[in-house]
Amino acid sequence: MKKNRLCMMIALMLAAVGLSAYAENPYVGNWALTLPNGGPGWLGVTQEKGDLDGAILWGGGSVKQVNSIKVEGERLVITRIQVERRGANKGKKITETITATLSGNNLKLVTVKARPDGSKFGRAEFTGKRTPPLPPRPDLSKVKFGAPITLFNGKNLDGWELTNSKSANGWIAEGGVLVNRPTQPKGKQHISYGNLRTTDEFEDFKLKFEVNVPEKSNSGVYLRGIYELQVLDSYGKPLNPHNMGAIYSRITPAVSAEKPAGQWQAFDVTLLDRHVTVVLNGKTIIDNEPLLGCTGGALWSDPMRPGPLYLQGNHGAASFRNIVLTPILKD
């Protein structure tokens, strides 16, 4: 009897150790990546019933699920299958294998790509840093605010600058409105227009502004320089994480609240403790939802550092007015 009880205790202990190993998989979490070209990226690793799942953001574009992710020995191995859009491999399926090794809260990663014939290319090294766990959803009823800051004076671009000084500037102050006109001359070389950012940087805040987006146009407002609040002519379209008011490719609006193109639309956005609330035209479309990491086009991947407000200028035309940011005071 004692022997059976001892065996049962050992079995329970082993089961507990196994469950603990799953729960404590060191790769589970959100990782701020610095890609081979120095640009920002993100890796999210989750685990359910022992199975790993992963999603990745590689510089621009959307967050995408990986094809496979597993731990082999002490390494995390991620596989992505993509169809090349340009170059000698255009139209071919390329398999990318990313291996990661952990040291404390830092990752050392290596990417290698393989063509259908098995030949490898594109080896590169890059790094990742664990993002601290998300805090609980903040109680917005207890928020204390500082003095409002008018970010656009209606007269000129004082307090603003291009994120890349080498880009063309399509921004102008006109009749109290901040206007972007990224005009492309027909039959001539494509012009790369710049994004516009505030020279000041901010932590948590409430942001109010109005935007007017022409038909079929596309812009964006980056909160703290890393989270894109989508600005798009999406009136009448089904709910989508790329629609007006979405956190691009991350958070889908709960309801459609956008107006037809060519009308002024009002945003009221609260960013606090890596959670975001978005009110569009008087309707709450995102309600205190967590931000797991940066979005495509971010200035950097670290969600803990202050950052500017930046307006996307390299896509389509858009006009902004009454841009007022009110800092949130922390105890």
Foldseek 3Di string as FASTA:
>chain_A
DVVVVVVVVVVVVVVVVVVVCLVPVVVAAKKWWQDQVRATKIKHWDDDPSAIWIWMGDAADAIGTFPHWDDDDQKIKTKHWDADCDDPRHRFIKIKIKIWHDDPQKIKIWIWIAGPVGDIDDIGIIMIGGAPDFDPQDDVVPWDWDDKDFCDPLQFNPQKDFPDNPAAEQWTRDRRKTKGALDADPPDDHGFHTKMWGPDWAAWWKKKKKKAAAPQFWKWKDALQFWTQTDGQQPPHPWDCRDHRHRRNPGIFQDDDDDHHGDIKMWIWTADRQFIWIAINNRTRGDRHHHRWGHHPGPGTHSRDIHIIMMGRRTHIMMMHRIMIIHTDDD
